[in-house]
N, C-alpha and C. Protein backbone atom coordinates (compact mmCIF):
# COMPACT_ATOMS: atom_id res chain seq x y z
N MET A 1 0.84 -1.19 0.00
CA MET A 1 0.00 0.00 0.00
C MET A 1 0.88 1.25 0.00
N ASN A 2 0.49 2.23 -0.77
CA ASN A 2 1.28 3.43 -0.94
C ASN A 2 0.87 4.56 -0.02
N ASP A 3 -0.24 4.44 0.70
CA ASP A 3 -0.66 5.39 1.73
C ASP A 3 -0.75 6.84 1.23
N GLY A 4 -1.16 7.01 -0.04
CA GLY A 4 -1.33 8.36 -0.59
C GLY A 4 -0.05 9.00 -1.10
N TYR A 5 1.04 8.25 -1.16
CA TYR A 5 2.30 8.76 -1.67
C TYR A 5 2.34 8.62 -3.20
N PRO A 6 3.14 9.44 -3.87
CA PRO A 6 3.21 9.35 -5.33
C PRO A 6 3.91 8.06 -5.79
N ARG A 7 3.81 7.78 -7.06
CA ARG A 7 4.25 6.49 -7.61
C ARG A 7 5.73 6.16 -7.40
N ASN A 8 6.60 7.14 -7.33
CA ASN A 8 8.03 6.86 -7.24
C ASN A 8 8.60 6.92 -5.83
N PHE A 9 7.75 7.13 -4.84
CA PHE A 9 8.23 7.21 -3.46
C PHE A 9 7.33 6.39 -2.54
N ARG A 10 7.96 5.79 -1.54
CA ARG A 10 7.24 4.96 -0.57
C ARG A 10 7.38 5.58 0.82
N PRO A 11 6.39 5.42 1.67
CA PRO A 11 6.44 6.01 3.02
C PRO A 11 7.72 5.70 3.79
N ASN A 12 8.20 4.45 3.71
CA ASN A 12 9.37 4.07 4.51
C ASN A 12 10.66 4.76 4.06
N GLU A 13 10.69 5.35 2.87
CA GLU A 13 11.87 6.11 2.43
C GLU A 13 12.06 7.37 3.26
N PHE A 14 11.00 7.80 3.93
CA PHE A 14 11.02 9.04 4.69
C PHE A 14 11.23 8.80 6.19
N TYR A 15 11.38 7.54 6.59
CA TYR A 15 11.57 7.19 8.00
C TYR A 15 12.99 7.51 8.47
N CYS A 16 13.13 7.72 9.76
CA CYS A 16 14.44 7.94 10.38
C CYS A 16 15.29 6.69 10.18
N LYS A 17 16.55 6.90 9.88
CA LYS A 17 17.46 5.79 9.60
C LYS A 17 18.37 5.46 10.78
N CYS A 18 18.05 5.95 11.99
CA CYS A 18 18.93 5.72 13.14
C CYS A 18 18.92 4.26 13.60
N GLY A 19 17.81 3.57 13.39
CA GLY A 19 17.73 2.17 13.79
C GLY A 19 17.29 1.94 15.22
N THR A 20 17.10 3.00 16.01
CA THR A 20 16.69 2.81 17.40
C THR A 20 15.30 3.38 17.69
N CYS A 21 14.86 4.39 16.96
CA CYS A 21 13.53 4.96 17.20
C CYS A 21 12.49 4.22 16.36
N LEU A 22 11.25 4.60 16.49
CA LEU A 22 10.19 3.97 15.71
C LEU A 22 10.24 4.37 14.24
N GLY A 23 10.90 5.50 13.95
CA GLY A 23 11.20 5.86 12.58
C GLY A 23 10.20 6.70 11.83
N ALA A 24 8.91 6.63 12.17
CA ALA A 24 7.91 7.33 11.40
C ALA A 24 7.95 8.84 11.64
N PRO A 25 7.83 9.63 10.57
CA PRO A 25 7.78 11.08 10.74
C PRO A 25 6.60 11.49 11.61
N PRO A 26 6.73 12.63 12.31
CA PRO A 26 5.70 13.04 13.25
C PRO A 26 4.39 13.47 12.60
N ASN A 27 4.44 13.94 11.37
CA ASN A 27 3.24 14.44 10.70
C ASN A 27 3.18 13.86 9.30
N LYS A 28 2.38 12.81 9.13
CA LYS A 28 2.31 12.13 7.83
C LYS A 28 1.87 13.06 6.70
N ALA A 29 0.99 14.01 7.00
CA ALA A 29 0.52 14.91 5.95
C ALA A 29 1.64 15.79 5.42
N VAL A 30 2.51 16.27 6.30
CA VAL A 30 3.64 17.10 5.87
C VAL A 30 4.59 16.27 5.01
N THR A 31 4.91 15.08 5.47
CA THR A 31 5.85 14.23 4.73
C THR A 31 5.25 13.78 3.41
N ARG A 32 3.97 13.51 3.38
CA ARG A 32 3.30 13.15 2.13
C ARG A 32 3.35 14.32 1.14
N HIS A 33 3.15 15.54 1.64
CA HIS A 33 3.25 16.72 0.78
C HIS A 33 4.67 16.84 0.21
N LEU A 34 5.68 16.63 1.06
CA LEU A 34 7.06 16.64 0.59
C LEU A 34 7.24 15.61 -0.52
N ALA A 35 6.71 14.42 -0.33
CA ALA A 35 6.85 13.36 -1.33
C ALA A 35 6.25 13.78 -2.68
N TRP A 36 5.11 14.44 -2.66
CA TRP A 36 4.49 14.90 -3.91
C TRP A 36 5.31 15.99 -4.58
N VAL A 37 5.95 16.84 -3.80
CA VAL A 37 6.85 17.86 -4.38
C VAL A 37 8.06 17.16 -4.98
N LEU A 38 8.62 16.18 -4.27
CA LEU A 38 9.76 15.43 -4.80
C LEU A 38 9.39 14.69 -6.08
N GLN A 39 8.14 14.26 -6.19
CA GLN A 39 7.70 13.59 -7.42
C GLN A 39 7.80 14.55 -8.61
N GLN A 40 7.49 15.82 -8.39
CA GLN A 40 7.63 16.80 -9.48
C GLN A 40 9.09 16.95 -9.91
N ILE A 41 9.99 16.92 -8.94
CA ILE A 41 11.42 16.96 -9.26
C ILE A 41 11.79 15.70 -10.05
N ARG A 42 11.35 14.56 -9.58
CA ARG A 42 11.62 13.28 -10.24
C ARG A 42 11.10 13.28 -11.67
N ASP A 43 9.90 13.83 -11.87
CA ASP A 43 9.32 13.88 -13.22
C ASP A 43 10.15 14.77 -14.14
N LEU A 44 10.69 15.86 -13.62
CA LEU A 44 11.50 16.76 -14.45
C LEU A 44 12.83 16.11 -14.83
N VAL A 45 13.54 15.55 -13.88
CA VAL A 45 14.86 15.00 -14.17
C VAL A 45 14.78 13.64 -14.86
N ASN A 46 13.66 12.95 -14.71
CA ASN A 46 13.39 11.69 -15.39
C ASN A 46 14.41 10.59 -15.08
N VAL A 47 14.93 10.61 -13.86
CA VAL A 47 15.81 9.53 -13.38
C VAL A 47 15.43 9.25 -11.93
N PRO A 48 15.73 8.05 -11.43
CA PRO A 48 15.42 7.75 -10.04
C PRO A 48 16.12 8.71 -9.08
N ILE A 49 15.42 9.06 -8.02
CA ILE A 49 15.96 9.90 -6.96
C ILE A 49 16.05 9.05 -5.69
N LYS A 50 17.22 9.08 -5.09
CA LYS A 50 17.45 8.36 -3.83
C LYS A 50 17.37 9.37 -2.69
N ILE A 51 16.59 9.04 -1.68
CA ILE A 51 16.51 9.85 -0.47
C ILE A 51 17.53 9.28 0.51
N THR A 52 18.59 10.04 0.76
CA THR A 52 19.63 9.55 1.67
C THR A 52 19.31 9.87 3.12
N SER A 53 18.49 10.89 3.34
CA SER A 53 18.05 11.24 4.70
C SER A 53 16.76 12.04 4.57
N ALA A 54 15.77 11.68 5.37
CA ALA A 54 14.52 12.45 5.40
C ALA A 54 14.24 12.78 6.87
N TYR A 55 13.16 12.21 7.41
CA TYR A 55 12.88 12.47 8.83
C TYR A 55 14.04 11.98 9.70
N ARG A 56 14.38 12.78 10.71
CA ARG A 56 15.37 12.38 11.70
C ARG A 56 14.79 12.63 13.09
N CYS A 57 14.87 11.63 13.95
CA CYS A 57 14.49 11.85 15.34
C CYS A 57 15.52 12.79 15.96
N GLU A 58 15.18 13.34 17.11
CA GLU A 58 16.06 14.30 17.77
C GLU A 58 17.47 13.74 17.97
N GLU A 59 17.56 12.52 18.46
CA GLU A 59 18.86 11.92 18.75
C GLU A 59 19.68 11.72 17.47
N HIS A 60 19.03 11.20 16.42
CA HIS A 60 19.75 10.97 15.16
C HIS A 60 20.21 12.29 14.55
N ASN A 61 19.36 13.30 14.61
CA ASN A 61 19.73 14.61 14.07
C ASN A 61 20.96 15.14 14.79
N LYS A 62 20.99 14.98 16.09
CA LYS A 62 22.13 15.42 16.89
C LYS A 62 23.39 14.63 16.51
N ASN A 63 23.23 13.32 16.35
CA ASN A 63 24.38 12.46 16.03
C ASN A 63 25.00 12.75 14.67
N VAL A 64 24.20 13.22 13.72
CA VAL A 64 24.73 13.53 12.38
C VAL A 64 25.14 14.99 12.24
N GLY A 65 25.04 15.74 13.34
CA GLY A 65 25.44 17.14 13.30
C GLY A 65 24.43 18.06 12.65
N GLY A 66 23.16 17.65 12.66
CA GLY A 66 22.11 18.46 12.07
C GLY A 66 21.82 19.72 12.89
N SER A 67 21.26 20.70 12.24
CA SER A 67 20.89 21.96 12.88
C SER A 67 19.87 21.72 13.98
N THR A 68 19.94 22.53 15.01
CA THR A 68 18.96 22.46 16.10
C THR A 68 17.55 22.66 15.57
N HIS A 69 17.40 23.49 14.56
CA HIS A 69 16.09 23.78 13.98
C HIS A 69 15.89 23.08 12.63
N SER A 70 16.49 21.93 12.47
CA SER A 70 16.46 21.19 11.21
C SER A 70 15.04 20.86 10.76
N GLN A 71 14.80 21.07 9.49
CA GLN A 71 13.52 20.67 8.89
C GLN A 71 13.39 19.15 8.85
N HIS A 72 14.50 18.44 8.92
CA HIS A 72 14.46 16.98 8.96
C HIS A 72 13.66 16.50 10.18
N LYS A 73 13.78 17.20 11.30
CA LYS A 73 13.08 16.79 12.52
C LYS A 73 11.56 16.95 12.39
N LEU A 74 11.13 17.74 11.43
CA LEU A 74 9.69 17.94 11.18
C LEU A 74 9.15 17.00 10.11
N GLY A 75 10.04 16.28 9.45
CA GLY A 75 9.63 15.41 8.36
C GLY A 75 9.35 16.18 7.08
N SER A 76 9.88 17.41 6.98
CA SER A 76 9.61 18.26 5.81
C SER A 76 10.85 18.46 4.94
N ALA A 77 11.88 17.63 5.13
CA ALA A 77 13.13 17.79 4.38
C ALA A 77 13.63 16.44 3.89
N ALA A 78 14.40 16.50 2.80
CA ALA A 78 15.05 15.29 2.29
C ALA A 78 16.38 15.66 1.66
N ASP A 79 17.36 14.80 1.85
CA ASP A 79 18.63 14.91 1.17
C ASP A 79 18.56 13.95 -0.01
N LEU A 80 18.93 14.44 -1.18
CA LEU A 80 18.65 13.73 -2.43
C LEU A 80 19.88 13.50 -3.28
N GLN A 81 19.85 12.38 -3.99
CA GLN A 81 20.81 12.09 -5.05
C GLN A 81 20.00 11.58 -6.23
N ALA A 82 20.36 12.04 -7.43
CA ALA A 82 19.66 11.60 -8.64
C ALA A 82 20.61 10.74 -9.47
N LYS A 83 20.14 9.61 -9.89
CA LYS A 83 20.97 8.65 -10.62
C LYS A 83 21.56 9.29 -11.88
N GLY A 84 22.89 9.24 -11.96
CA GLY A 84 23.59 9.75 -13.14
C GLY A 84 23.71 11.26 -13.21
N MET A 85 23.31 11.95 -12.16
CA MET A 85 23.39 13.41 -12.14
C MET A 85 24.33 13.87 -11.03
N LYS A 86 25.07 14.91 -11.31
CA LYS A 86 25.88 15.55 -10.26
C LYS A 86 24.95 16.38 -9.39
N PRO A 87 25.30 16.58 -8.13
CA PRO A 87 24.46 17.40 -7.26
C PRO A 87 24.17 18.79 -7.86
N GLN A 88 25.14 19.37 -8.55
CA GLN A 88 24.94 20.69 -9.15
C GLN A 88 23.83 20.66 -10.20
N GLN A 89 23.73 19.56 -10.94
CA GLN A 89 22.69 19.42 -11.95
C GLN A 89 21.31 19.28 -11.31
N LEU A 90 21.22 18.48 -10.27
CA LEU A 90 19.95 18.32 -9.56
C LEU A 90 19.54 19.64 -8.92
N HIS A 91 20.49 20.33 -8.32
CA HIS A 91 20.24 21.64 -7.71
C HIS A 91 19.67 22.61 -8.75
N ALA A 92 20.27 22.64 -9.93
CA ALA A 92 19.81 23.53 -11.01
C ALA A 92 18.39 23.17 -11.45
N ALA A 93 18.09 21.88 -11.51
CA ALA A 93 16.75 21.43 -11.90
C ALA A 93 15.72 21.88 -10.86
N ILE A 94 16.06 21.77 -9.60
CA ILE A 94 15.15 22.21 -8.54
C ILE A 94 14.95 23.72 -8.61
N LEU A 95 16.01 24.46 -8.84
CA LEU A 95 15.88 25.92 -9.00
C LEU A 95 14.97 26.28 -10.16
N ASP A 96 15.04 25.52 -11.25
CA ASP A 96 14.14 25.75 -12.39
C ASP A 96 12.67 25.56 -11.98
N LEU A 97 12.40 24.52 -11.22
CA LEU A 97 11.03 24.27 -10.76
C LEU A 97 10.56 25.37 -9.80
N VAL A 98 11.45 25.83 -8.95
CA VAL A 98 11.11 26.91 -8.02
C VAL A 98 10.83 28.19 -8.78
N SER A 99 11.71 28.54 -9.74
CA SER A 99 11.55 29.80 -10.47
C SER A 99 10.29 29.81 -11.33
N SER A 100 9.86 28.64 -11.76
CA SER A 100 8.62 28.56 -12.54
C SER A 100 7.40 28.37 -11.63
N LYS A 101 7.63 28.41 -10.32
CA LYS A 101 6.58 28.31 -9.30
C LYS A 101 5.83 26.98 -9.33
N ARG A 102 6.51 25.94 -9.79
CA ARG A 102 5.91 24.61 -9.81
C ARG A 102 6.08 23.89 -8.48
N ILE A 103 7.09 24.32 -7.70
CA ILE A 103 7.28 23.78 -6.36
C ILE A 103 7.57 24.95 -5.41
N PRO A 104 7.38 24.74 -4.10
CA PRO A 104 7.62 25.82 -3.14
C PRO A 104 9.08 26.26 -3.11
N GLU A 105 9.31 27.53 -2.76
CA GLU A 105 10.67 28.07 -2.59
C GLU A 105 11.45 27.20 -1.62
N GLY A 106 10.94 27.07 -0.42
CA GLY A 106 11.54 26.22 0.60
C GLY A 106 13.02 26.43 0.81
N GLY A 107 13.64 25.42 1.40
CA GLY A 107 15.07 25.44 1.65
C GLY A 107 15.79 24.57 0.63
N LEU A 108 16.92 25.08 0.15
CA LEU A 108 17.68 24.36 -0.87
C LEU A 108 19.16 24.52 -0.57
N GLY A 109 19.82 23.40 -0.32
CA GLY A 109 21.24 23.40 0.00
C GLY A 109 22.00 22.50 -0.93
N LEU A 110 23.13 22.99 -1.41
CA LEU A 110 23.99 22.21 -2.31
C LEU A 110 25.21 21.72 -1.53
N TYR A 111 25.42 20.41 -1.59
CA TYR A 111 26.56 19.77 -0.93
C TYR A 111 27.37 19.01 -1.98
N ASN A 112 28.52 18.50 -1.60
CA ASN A 112 29.38 17.79 -2.56
C ASN A 112 28.75 16.52 -3.11
N THR A 113 27.97 15.82 -2.29
CA THR A 113 27.44 14.52 -2.71
C THR A 113 25.92 14.43 -2.76
N PHE A 114 25.23 15.50 -2.38
CA PHE A 114 23.77 15.47 -2.37
C PHE A 114 23.20 16.88 -2.39
N VAL A 115 21.88 16.94 -2.55
CA VAL A 115 21.15 18.21 -2.48
C VAL A 115 20.11 18.08 -1.38
N HIS A 116 20.04 19.09 -0.53
CA HIS A 116 19.00 19.17 0.50
C HIS A 116 17.86 20.00 -0.07
N TYR A 117 16.61 19.51 0.10
CA TYR A 117 15.44 20.30 -0.26
C TYR A 117 14.41 20.14 0.84
N ASP A 118 13.76 21.24 1.20
CA ASP A 118 12.68 21.16 2.18
C ASP A 118 11.56 22.11 1.81
N ILE A 119 10.42 21.88 2.42
CA ILE A 119 9.21 22.65 2.09
C ILE A 119 8.87 23.67 3.17
N ARG A 120 9.89 24.24 3.82
CA ARG A 120 9.65 25.29 4.81
C ARG A 120 8.88 26.42 4.14
N PRO A 121 8.18 27.23 4.91
CA PRO A 121 7.33 28.29 4.31
C PRO A 121 8.08 29.51 3.77
N LYS A 122 9.39 29.60 4.01
CA LYS A 122 10.12 30.75 3.47
C LYS A 122 11.39 30.26 2.77
N LYS A 123 11.91 31.12 1.91
CA LYS A 123 13.10 30.79 1.12
C LYS A 123 14.36 30.76 1.98
N ALA A 124 15.18 29.73 1.76
CA ALA A 124 16.51 29.61 2.38
C ALA A 124 17.41 28.93 1.37
N ARG A 125 18.63 29.46 1.22
CA ARG A 125 19.61 28.89 0.29
C ARG A 125 20.97 28.85 0.98
N TRP A 126 21.75 27.78 0.71
CA TRP A 126 23.08 27.68 1.26
C TRP A 126 23.87 26.62 0.50
N ASN A 127 25.18 26.64 0.71
CA ASN A 127 26.10 25.62 0.22
C ASN A 127 26.75 24.98 1.43
N GLY A 128 26.85 23.66 1.41
CA GLY A 128 27.41 22.94 2.54
C GLY A 128 28.85 22.55 2.32
């Protein structure tokens, strides 16, 4: 069962990966909304997207050095890798979707091996 998630994403991809907590994001509706936004990114780039980190429990977020106010703790963020694409290319594709107002401004961070995207209500940009 897909629980209202889009065709290319499953609920368990958004669970905490610490291995000690129950794993489920605190607000399924927020995480489901994130999944639908990620589906639009997936449709544009037309390659599989791997979620390397989504929801993080407080302890896991602390252990990975996440921000105290991390969107990951709300279940509204995902770190992404796209098959066959460099992070810079995925980042550019997301910016195209944002500029055309097809997805929310949200938070967008470019790192060496992945791209962070979240659906926070205001714009945030950074390089990691």
